[in-house]
Amino acid sequence: MGFIIPAKAVKNREDRLVVLNKVAKAVVEEMRGVHSEYVFTYRGKRLRNMNNRAWKETRARVGLRQVLIHDLKHTFGRRLRSAEVSFEDRQDLLGHKSGRITTHYSKAEIANLIAAANAVCEEQSGKSPAPVILKKNIRYAPNGQPSGNTA
């Protein structure tokens, strides 16, 4: 399930596709029919601001006063990366045009980085990988072949 946010309500002024996962879809479905036009309302009118009293009171009630609405987007990006969602799909789901911004929103999980660093310690097929030489000066004989002397 998904929906389009009209360009006038989006920071970059382009229509934005929002795709809902099954949890978000369930929330929307539960609210369906409460209002004839809008999903989330207050006293019969559409919500115009997400950072309202209800949001602040809810954060306080669950002990997360420091959590901002924008933190949820970062959390989503990190969870997408942790779930090994492709970079391109993360970029689309987060609504980014710039890959640099997508990278900012989906930092690696420390456990994944530790596992990746440890992966080079594992022997594969009984032998360790050869070291990589970053710079090597090779002297060439007059016939164009390496002379075997390295500096």
N, C-alpha and C. Protein backbone atom coordinates (compact mmCIF):
# COMPACT_ATOMS: atom_id res chain seq x y z
N MET A 1 0.85 -1.17 0.00
CA MET A 1 0.00 0.00 0.00
C MET A 1 0.89 1.23 0.00
N GLY A 2 0.48 2.25 -0.70
CA GLY A 2 1.23 3.49 -0.75
C GLY A 2 0.30 4.64 -1.05
N PHE A 3 0.86 5.84 -0.99
CA PHE A 3 0.10 7.02 -1.34
C PHE A 3 1.05 8.10 -1.83
N ILE A 4 0.49 9.12 -2.44
CA ILE A 4 1.28 10.23 -2.98
C ILE A 4 1.07 11.46 -2.09
N ILE A 5 2.17 12.06 -1.67
CA ILE A 5 2.09 13.36 -1.00
C ILE A 5 2.23 14.40 -2.10
N PRO A 6 1.26 15.32 -2.20
CA PRO A 6 1.32 16.32 -3.28
C PRO A 6 2.54 17.23 -3.15
N ALA A 7 3.04 17.68 -4.29
CA ALA A 7 4.25 18.50 -4.36
C ALA A 7 4.20 19.70 -3.42
N LYS A 8 3.04 20.31 -3.27
CA LYS A 8 2.94 21.52 -2.43
C LYS A 8 3.25 21.24 -0.96
N ALA A 9 3.19 19.98 -0.55
CA ALA A 9 3.45 19.62 0.85
C ALA A 9 4.83 18.98 1.04
N VAL A 10 5.65 18.94 -0.02
CA VAL A 10 6.95 18.28 0.03
C VAL A 10 8.05 19.33 -0.08
N LYS A 11 9.13 19.14 0.69
CA LYS A 11 10.22 20.12 0.73
C LYS A 11 10.78 20.45 -0.65
N ASN A 12 11.00 19.44 -1.50
CA ASN A 12 11.59 19.72 -2.82
C ASN A 12 10.54 20.05 -3.88
N ARG A 13 9.29 20.18 -3.45
CA ARG A 13 8.17 20.59 -4.32
C ARG A 13 7.92 19.63 -5.48
N GLU A 14 8.17 18.33 -5.23
CA GLU A 14 7.83 17.29 -6.20
C GLU A 14 6.94 16.27 -5.50
N ASP A 15 5.98 15.70 -6.24
CA ASP A 15 5.14 14.66 -5.67
C ASP A 15 6.03 13.58 -5.06
N ARG A 16 5.61 13.04 -3.93
CA ARG A 16 6.42 12.03 -3.24
C ARG A 16 5.61 10.78 -3.00
N LEU A 17 6.11 9.65 -3.48
CA LEU A 17 5.49 8.35 -3.23
C LEU A 17 5.93 7.86 -1.85
N VAL A 18 4.96 7.49 -1.03
CA VAL A 18 5.26 6.90 0.28
C VAL A 18 4.70 5.49 0.26
N VAL A 19 5.58 4.53 0.52
CA VAL A 19 5.19 3.12 0.54
C VAL A 19 5.08 2.70 2.01
N LEU A 20 3.96 2.08 2.35
CA LEU A 20 3.73 1.66 3.73
C LEU A 20 4.10 0.20 3.93
N ASN A 21 4.78 -0.09 5.04
CA ASN A 21 5.00 -1.48 5.38
C ASN A 21 3.73 -2.00 6.06
N LYS A 22 3.72 -3.27 6.42
CA LYS A 22 2.49 -3.88 6.93
C LYS A 22 2.05 -3.26 8.26
N VAL A 23 2.98 -2.78 9.08
CA VAL A 23 2.60 -2.17 10.35
C VAL A 23 1.93 -0.82 10.10
N ALA A 24 2.54 0.01 9.25
CA ALA A 24 1.94 1.31 8.93
C ALA A 24 0.60 1.13 8.23
N LYS A 25 0.54 0.15 7.35
CA LYS A 25 -0.72 -0.13 6.64
C LYS A 25 -1.83 -0.48 7.63
N ALA A 26 -1.51 -1.29 8.63
CA ALA A 26 -2.50 -1.68 9.64
C ALA A 26 -3.02 -0.46 10.40
N VAL A 27 -2.13 0.48 10.71
CA VAL A 27 -2.55 1.70 11.41
C VAL A 27 -3.50 2.51 10.54
N VAL A 28 -3.14 2.66 9.27
CA VAL A 28 -4.00 3.41 8.35
C VAL A 28 -5.36 2.71 8.18
N GLU A 29 -5.33 1.41 8.04
CA GLU A 29 -6.58 0.66 7.87
C GLU A 29 -7.49 0.80 9.09
N GLU A 30 -6.88 0.83 10.26
CA GLU A 30 -7.66 0.99 11.49
C GLU A 30 -8.37 2.35 11.53
N MET A 31 -7.74 3.35 10.93
CA MET A 31 -8.31 4.71 10.93
C MET A 31 -9.26 4.94 9.76
N ARG A 32 -9.25 4.05 8.78
CA ARG A 32 -10.07 4.23 7.58
C ARG A 32 -11.55 4.34 7.96
N GLY A 33 -12.21 5.34 7.40
CA GLY A 33 -13.64 5.51 7.62
C GLY A 33 -13.98 6.40 8.81
N VAL A 34 -13.00 6.70 9.67
CA VAL A 34 -13.28 7.58 10.80
C VAL A 34 -13.62 8.98 10.28
N HIS A 35 -12.93 9.39 9.23
CA HIS A 35 -13.19 10.68 8.58
C HIS A 35 -13.38 10.42 7.10
N SER A 36 -14.20 11.20 6.46
CA SER A 36 -14.50 10.96 5.04
C SER A 36 -13.33 11.24 4.10
N GLU A 37 -12.40 12.09 4.51
CA GLU A 37 -11.32 12.48 3.60
C GLU A 37 -9.92 12.22 4.16
N TYR A 38 -9.72 12.44 5.45
CA TYR A 38 -8.38 12.37 6.03
C TYR A 38 -8.22 11.13 6.91
N VAL A 39 -6.99 10.66 7.00
CA VAL A 39 -6.70 9.49 7.83
C VAL A 39 -6.58 9.89 9.29
N PHE A 40 -5.78 10.88 9.55
CA PHE A 40 -5.56 11.32 10.93
C PHE A 40 -6.15 12.70 11.13
N THR A 41 -7.02 12.81 12.10
CA THR A 41 -7.71 14.07 12.36
C THR A 41 -7.70 14.38 13.85
N TYR A 42 -8.05 15.62 14.15
CA TYR A 42 -8.26 16.04 15.53
C TYR A 42 -9.49 16.91 15.54
N ARG A 43 -10.47 16.48 16.33
CA ARG A 43 -11.76 17.18 16.41
C ARG A 43 -12.38 17.38 15.03
N GLY A 44 -12.27 16.34 14.19
CA GLY A 44 -12.90 16.35 12.88
C GLY A 44 -12.16 17.12 11.79
N LYS A 45 -11.00 17.66 12.12
CA LYS A 45 -10.22 18.44 11.13
C LYS A 45 -8.88 17.74 10.90
N ARG A 46 -8.34 17.93 9.70
CA ARG A 46 -7.06 17.31 9.37
C ARG A 46 -5.94 17.88 10.23
N LEU A 47 -4.94 17.06 10.48
CA LEU A 47 -3.77 17.52 11.20
C LEU A 47 -2.91 18.37 10.27
N ARG A 48 -2.48 19.48 10.74
CA ARG A 48 -1.63 20.36 9.93
C ARG A 48 -0.18 20.33 10.40
N ASN A 49 0.06 19.78 11.59
CA ASN A 49 1.38 19.82 12.17
C ASN A 49 1.61 18.50 12.91
N MET A 50 2.74 17.88 12.64
CA MET A 50 3.04 16.61 13.32
C MET A 50 3.63 16.84 14.70
N ASN A 51 4.31 17.95 14.88
CA ASN A 51 4.96 18.23 16.16
C ASN A 51 3.99 18.97 17.08
N ASN A 52 2.91 18.28 17.41
CA ASN A 52 1.86 18.91 18.20
C ASN A 52 1.88 18.41 19.64
N ARG A 53 0.94 18.86 20.43
CA ARG A 53 0.87 18.49 21.84
C ARG A 53 0.71 16.98 22.02
N ALA A 54 -0.11 16.36 21.19
CA ALA A 54 -0.32 14.92 21.30
C ALA A 54 1.00 14.16 21.12
N TRP A 55 1.79 14.56 20.14
CA TRP A 55 3.08 13.92 19.90
C TRP A 55 4.00 14.11 21.11
N LYS A 56 4.05 15.32 21.63
CA LYS A 56 4.92 15.61 22.77
C LYS A 56 4.47 14.85 24.01
N GLU A 57 3.17 14.77 24.25
CA GLU A 57 2.66 14.04 25.41
C GLU A 57 2.90 12.53 25.26
N THR A 58 2.77 12.02 24.05
CA THR A 58 3.02 10.60 23.82
C THR A 58 4.48 10.27 24.08
N ARG A 59 5.39 11.10 23.61
CA ARG A 59 6.83 10.89 23.87
C ARG A 59 7.10 10.87 25.37
N ALA A 60 6.52 11.80 26.09
CA ALA A 60 6.73 11.87 27.53
C ALA A 60 6.17 10.62 28.21
N ARG A 61 5.00 10.18 27.79
CA ARG A 61 4.34 9.02 28.41
C ARG A 61 5.18 7.75 28.26
N VAL A 62 5.88 7.59 27.14
CA VAL A 62 6.68 6.38 26.92
C VAL A 62 8.16 6.59 27.25
N GLY A 63 8.49 7.75 27.82
CA GLY A 63 9.86 8.00 28.26
C GLY A 63 10.84 8.32 27.15
N LEU A 64 10.35 8.89 26.05
CA LEU A 64 11.23 9.22 24.92
C LEU A 64 11.11 10.71 24.56
N ARG A 65 11.22 11.56 25.56
CA ARG A 65 11.09 13.02 25.33
C ARG A 65 12.08 13.54 24.30
N GLN A 66 13.27 12.93 24.24
CA GLN A 66 14.32 13.43 23.36
C GLN A 66 14.11 13.04 21.89
N VAL A 67 13.20 12.12 21.60
CA VAL A 67 13.00 11.64 20.23
C VAL A 67 12.23 12.67 19.42
N LEU A 68 12.80 13.05 18.30
CA LEU A 68 12.14 13.99 17.40
C LEU A 68 11.51 13.23 16.23
N ILE A 69 10.56 13.84 15.57
CA ILE A 69 9.91 13.21 14.43
C ILE A 69 10.95 12.81 13.39
N HIS A 70 11.92 13.67 13.16
CA HIS A 70 12.94 13.40 12.15
C HIS A 70 13.81 12.20 12.53
N ASP A 71 13.95 11.93 13.82
CA ASP A 71 14.71 10.75 14.26
C ASP A 71 14.09 9.47 13.72
N LEU A 72 12.79 9.48 13.53
CA LEU A 72 12.11 8.29 13.02
C LEU A 72 12.54 7.97 11.60
N LYS A 73 12.82 9.01 10.80
CA LYS A 73 13.30 8.79 9.43
C LYS A 73 14.70 8.18 9.45
N HIS A 74 15.55 8.67 10.35
CA HIS A 74 16.89 8.09 10.49
C HIS A 74 16.79 6.63 10.92
N THR A 75 15.89 6.36 11.85
CA THR A 75 15.71 4.98 12.32
C THR A 75 15.25 4.09 11.17
N PHE A 76 14.33 4.57 10.38
CA PHE A 76 13.84 3.81 9.22
C PHE A 76 14.99 3.52 8.26
N GLY A 77 15.80 4.54 7.96
CA GLY A 77 16.94 4.36 7.06
C GLY A 77 17.93 3.33 7.58
N ARG A 78 18.23 3.38 8.86
CA ARG A 78 19.17 2.41 9.44
C ARG A 78 18.59 1.01 9.43
N ARG A 79 17.31 0.89 9.70
CA ARG A 79 16.69 -0.43 9.69
C ARG A 79 16.63 -0.99 8.27
N LEU A 80 16.42 -0.13 7.28
CA LEU A 80 16.45 -0.59 5.89
C LEU A 80 17.82 -1.15 5.54
N ARG A 81 18.86 -0.42 5.93
CA ARG A 81 20.22 -0.89 5.63
C ARG A 81 20.52 -2.18 6.36
N SER A 82 20.13 -2.25 7.62
CA SER A 82 20.36 -3.46 8.41
C SER A 82 19.64 -4.67 7.81
N ALA A 83 18.50 -4.41 7.18
CA ALA A 83 17.74 -5.49 6.53
C ALA A 83 18.29 -5.80 5.13
N GLU A 84 19.42 -5.16 4.78
CA GLU A 84 20.10 -5.36 3.50
C GLU A 84 19.25 -4.95 2.31
N VAL A 85 18.43 -3.90 2.50
CA VAL A 85 17.69 -3.32 1.38
C VAL A 85 18.70 -2.58 0.51
N SER A 86 18.58 -2.72 -0.80
CA SER A 86 19.55 -2.10 -1.72
C SER A 86 19.60 -0.59 -1.54
N PHE A 87 20.74 -0.01 -1.89
CA PHE A 87 20.92 1.43 -1.78
C PHE A 87 19.84 2.17 -2.57
N GLU A 88 19.57 1.74 -3.78
CA GLU A 88 18.59 2.41 -4.63
C GLU A 88 17.20 2.36 -4.02
N ASP A 89 16.82 1.22 -3.46
CA ASP A 89 15.50 1.11 -2.83
C ASP A 89 15.44 1.95 -1.56
N ARG A 90 16.53 2.01 -0.80
CA ARG A 90 16.56 2.88 0.38
C ARG A 90 16.38 4.33 -0.04
N GLN A 91 17.05 4.71 -1.11
CA GLN A 91 16.96 6.08 -1.60
C GLN A 91 15.52 6.42 -1.98
N ASP A 92 14.85 5.51 -2.68
CA ASP A 92 13.45 5.74 -3.07
C ASP A 92 12.53 5.76 -1.85
N LEU A 93 12.70 4.81 -0.95
CA LEU A 93 11.83 4.75 0.23
C LEU A 93 12.00 5.96 1.13
N LEU A 94 13.20 6.49 1.21
CA LEU A 94 13.45 7.67 2.04
C LEU A 94 13.12 8.97 1.31
N GLY A 95 12.90 8.87 -0.01
CA GLY A 95 12.52 10.05 -0.78
C GLY A 95 13.68 11.00 -1.08
N HIS A 96 14.87 10.44 -1.26
CA HIS A 96 16.05 11.27 -1.51
C HIS A 96 16.41 11.30 -2.98
N LYS A 97 16.81 12.46 -3.46
CA LYS A 97 17.35 12.58 -4.81
C LYS A 97 18.86 12.36 -4.78
N SER A 98 19.49 12.75 -3.68
CA SER A 98 20.94 12.67 -3.55
C SER A 98 21.34 11.40 -2.79
N GLY A 99 22.26 10.65 -3.37
CA GLY A 99 22.77 9.47 -2.70
C GLY A 99 23.52 9.81 -1.43
N ARG A 100 24.12 11.00 -1.39
CA ARG A 100 24.85 11.44 -0.21
C ARG A 100 23.90 11.56 0.99
N ILE A 101 22.71 12.06 0.76
CA ILE A 101 21.73 12.20 1.83
C ILE A 101 21.26 10.82 2.28
N THR A 102 21.04 9.92 1.33
CA THR A 102 20.62 8.56 1.69
C THR A 102 21.66 7.91 2.59
N THR A 103 22.93 8.09 2.26
CA THR A 103 24.01 7.53 3.07
C THR A 103 23.97 8.13 4.48
N HIS A 104 23.68 9.42 4.58
CA HIS A 104 23.58 10.09 5.88
C HIS A 104 22.46 9.48 6.73
N TYR A 105 21.36 9.11 6.09
CA TYR A 105 20.21 8.57 6.80
C TYR A 105 20.32 7.08 7.10
N SER A 106 21.21 6.39 6.45
CA SER A 106 21.29 4.94 6.67
C SER A 106 22.72 4.52 6.98
N LYS A 107 23.21 5.02 8.09
CA LYS A 107 24.55 4.66 8.56
C LYS A 107 24.58 3.18 8.90
N ALA A 108 25.76 2.62 8.81
CA ALA A 108 25.93 1.20 9.12
C ALA A 108 25.72 0.94 10.60
N GLU A 109 25.20 -0.20 10.90
CA GLU A 109 25.07 -0.64 12.29
C GLU A 109 26.45 -1.11 12.76
N ILE A 110 26.81 -0.77 13.98
CA ILE A 110 28.14 -1.12 14.48
C ILE A 110 28.36 -2.64 14.46
N ALA A 111 27.33 -3.42 14.74
CA ALA A 111 27.48 -4.88 14.71
C ALA A 111 27.82 -5.37 13.31
N ASN A 112 27.24 -4.74 12.29
CA ASN A 112 27.56 -5.12 10.91
C ASN A 112 29.00 -4.77 10.57
N LEU A 113 29.46 -3.61 11.05
CA LEU A 113 30.85 -3.21 10.78
C LEU A 113 31.84 -4.15 11.47
N ILE A 114 31.53 -4.55 12.69
CA ILE A 114 32.40 -5.50 13.40
C ILE A 114 32.45 -6.83 12.66
N ALA A 115 31.28 -7.31 12.24
CA ALA A 115 31.23 -8.59 11.50
C ALA A 115 32.02 -8.48 10.20
N ALA A 116 31.89 -7.34 9.51
CA ALA A 116 32.61 -7.15 8.25
C ALA A 116 34.12 -7.13 8.49
N ALA A 117 34.56 -6.43 9.54
CA ALA A 117 35.99 -6.37 9.86
C ALA A 117 36.52 -7.76 10.22
N ASN A 118 35.72 -8.53 10.94
CA ASN A 118 36.13 -9.88 11.34
C ASN A 118 36.11 -10.86 10.17
N ALA A 119 35.36 -10.56 9.13
CA ALA A 119 35.27 -11.46 7.98
C ALA A 119 36.63 -11.68 7.34
N VAL A 120 37.52 -10.70 7.41
CA VAL A 120 38.84 -10.85 6.79
C VAL A 120 39.74 -11.77 7.62
N CYS A 121 39.34 -12.08 8.83
CA CYS A 121 40.11 -12.99 9.67
C CYS A 121 39.82 -14.45 9.35
N GLU A 122 38.72 -14.68 8.69
CA GLU A 122 38.30 -16.04 8.39
C GLU A 122 39.14 -16.60 7.24
N GLU A 123 39.65 -17.80 7.44
CA GLU A 123 40.38 -18.45 6.36
C GLU A 123 39.39 -19.03 5.38
N GLN A 124 39.69 -18.84 4.12
CA GLN A 124 38.82 -19.39 3.08
C GLN A 124 39.62 -20.40 2.28
N SER A 125 39.06 -21.55 2.12
CA SER A 125 39.68 -22.69 1.43
C SER A 125 41.08 -22.98 1.95
N GLY A 126 41.26 -22.81 3.28
CA GLY A 126 42.49 -23.23 3.92
C GLY A 126 43.67 -22.28 3.80
N LYS A 127 43.53 -21.15 3.13
CA LYS A 127 44.67 -20.24 3.03
C LYS A 127 44.21 -18.79 3.22
N SER A 128 45.09 -18.01 3.74
CA SER A 128 44.81 -16.60 3.95
C SER A 128 44.96 -15.84 2.64
N PRO A 129 44.22 -14.77 2.48
CA PRO A 129 44.39 -13.99 1.26
C PRO A 129 45.76 -13.32 1.22
N ALA A 130 46.27 -13.11 0.02
CA ALA A 130 47.56 -12.47 -0.16
C ALA A 130 47.45 -11.00 0.24
N PRO A 131 48.51 -10.44 0.80
CA PRO A 131 48.48 -9.01 1.15
C PRO A 131 48.43 -8.15 -0.12
N VAL A 132 47.83 -7.00 0.02
CA VAL A 132 47.75 -6.06 -1.09
C VAL A 132 48.88 -5.05 -0.94
N ILE A 133 49.66 -4.87 -2.01
CA ILE A 133 50.76 -3.91 -2.00
C ILE A 133 50.24 -2.65 -2.66
N LEU A 134 50.22 -1.56 -1.89
CA LEU A 134 49.65 -0.32 -2.40
C LEU A 134 50.55 0.38 -3.39
N LYS A 135 51.86 0.34 -3.17
CA LYS A 135 52.77 1.01 -4.11
C LYS A 135 54.03 0.18 -4.24
N LYS A 136 54.40 -0.06 -5.45
CA LYS A 136 55.58 -0.86 -5.70
C LYS A 136 56.32 -0.23 -6.88
N ASN A 137 57.57 0.08 -6.69
CA ASN A 137 58.37 0.62 -7.78
C ASN A 137 59.07 -0.54 -8.47
N ILE A 138 58.80 -0.71 -9.73
CA ILE A 138 59.39 -1.80 -10.49
C ILE A 138 60.35 -1.20 -11.50
N ARG A 139 61.54 -1.76 -11.58
CA ARG A 139 62.50 -1.31 -12.59
C ARG A 139 62.40 -2.24 -13.78
N TYR A 140 62.44 -1.64 -14.95
CA TYR A 140 62.28 -2.41 -16.17
C TYR A 140 63.61 -2.49 -16.92
N ALA A 141 63.86 -3.66 -17.47
CA ALA A 141 65.04 -3.88 -18.32
C ALA A 141 64.81 -3.20 -19.66
N PRO A 142 65.85 -3.00 -20.46
CA PRO A 142 65.70 -2.35 -21.77
C PRO A 142 64.70 -3.08 -22.67
N ASN A 143 64.47 -4.37 -22.45
CA ASN A 143 63.51 -5.11 -23.31
C ASN A 143 62.06 -4.90 -22.86
N GLY A 144 61.83 -4.06 -21.84
CA GLY A 144 60.47 -3.78 -21.38
C GLY A 144 59.95 -4.73 -20.32
N GLN A 145 60.74 -5.71 -19.95
CA GLN A 145 60.34 -6.69 -18.94
C GLN A 145 60.81 -6.24 -17.56
N PRO A 146 60.05 -6.58 -16.52
CA PRO A 146 60.53 -6.24 -15.16
C PRO A 146 61.87 -6.91 -14.91
N SER A 147 62.79 -6.16 -14.28
CA SER A 147 64.12 -6.70 -14.05
C SER A 147 64.20 -7.50 -12.77
N GLY A 148 63.17 -7.44 -11.94
CA GLY A 148 63.19 -8.17 -10.69
C GLY A 148 63.71 -7.32 -9.55
N ASN A 149 64.33 -6.21 -9.85
CA ASN A 149 64.81 -5.29 -8.81
C ASN A 149 63.68 -4.33 -8.46
N THR A 150 63.33 -4.28 -7.20
CA THR A 150 62.30 -3.33 -6.77
C THR A 150 62.92 -2.36 -5.82
N ALA A 151 62.43 -1.17 -5.81
CA ALA A 151 62.98 -0.15 -4.91
C ALA A 151 62.04 0.07 -3.75
